[in-house]
């Protein structure tokens, strides 16, 4: 049960959101899904450029809807002094400011941290970028894949001697947004204890490099003797651990722990392999990986269907999973029951499925009903409730080109 009157865990917190596309909007999307009031500042005349990203129907972007549900849209021109004044006045009223412009842009707009802190000493300001706010690469343009490539992550993909295969989804963008959310939440906790605001610098490159589990410490601790080896479908330092060809598709099997390997051998009807000196431990199995792959794939392909193979592995409690398509994942009963894939309603697109809110709170089990804003939809609401502007003043600002809105 939620505490009296509280709609979610961040209810009452207010954020000013200067973000677009993925990494930055992920931060504020999660905040909105936890009940924070998020004012999305969109730059006139067109606002967030993701409003035109596919899939688009009736001039409405499903991509934009997914990234910006629950936010209030304020569209203004910050090049005009009246627009700057509105931003300054709002900074004084909020708890958090998030931006993901290229480093230096927010400063040129007149809202670097020194200026922002001067207006509101308790504010938490978070900048999200590809390479961070300082360093030799800081001012280079970049996207998710640039951070991934510089972090040495892309180099580990693919077969040895062949091309690399970066994943075709925004792993770095989204998880960098989650890193930023964690930093903001901890900064708010620190502020509760001390009354102090602070500046948070989050980069995709830093986040991606943090994903390394094996090779950084291995290279360093071995004095460079340990070298990463690309093994394509299979994990480089564990066996069996990888993606195996089944009758219809591919199945991940991770049976590198000795007791899992023994159980897999029994399941395959080859219990003697569990005692075979060639496969007796992980080191031995790595040396004889090709033989293991042949045995496992032969067994998988002898089973009438991949579904039957998956169920057999699950019944034996061997870590495994089928390689589902996106469409198959969207229909999987586990993802549906947990609302990992969530059906939402949009005023233009109607019902559509989006990735669900991934955080679970016992005191707030219900998800909030949210909708994505039209461009500048909340201009008057924000300026009247936060700053006390009259309707006539808002109209005059619209006529002067300071504010902009579209009916849909």
Foldseek 3Di string as FASTA:
>chain_A
DADPPAQFDLAPAEEEQAEADFQRLLLVVLVLQRHYAYEYEFEPDPGHPCLQPPPDDPSGHPSLWQSFWRYHFFYFHLVDVVLVVVVLLVLLVGAEYEHEDQAPPCVVSVHDPVSSCVSPQRHAYEYEYAPKNDDPCRRPHDDLVVLCVVLCNQVQADAVPDHTDDDPDRPLSNVLSVVRNVVSVVQVVVCVVPVGYDYHITHSNVVNNVPDDPDPCVCVVVVNPDDRHHHHQCDLQFPPFGWAQAQPGIKTFHQRQLVSVCLVCVLLVRNVVSVDPCNVHGVSCNVVVVVVNVSVRVSRHVDPDVVVVVVSCVVSVTDMGDDDDPVVCLPDPVCVVQPCWPWAQEPPPGTDTHGDNPDADPNNHDTDHTTGDFHNNCNVVCCCVSPNDDPVVSVVCVVVRRTDGDPD
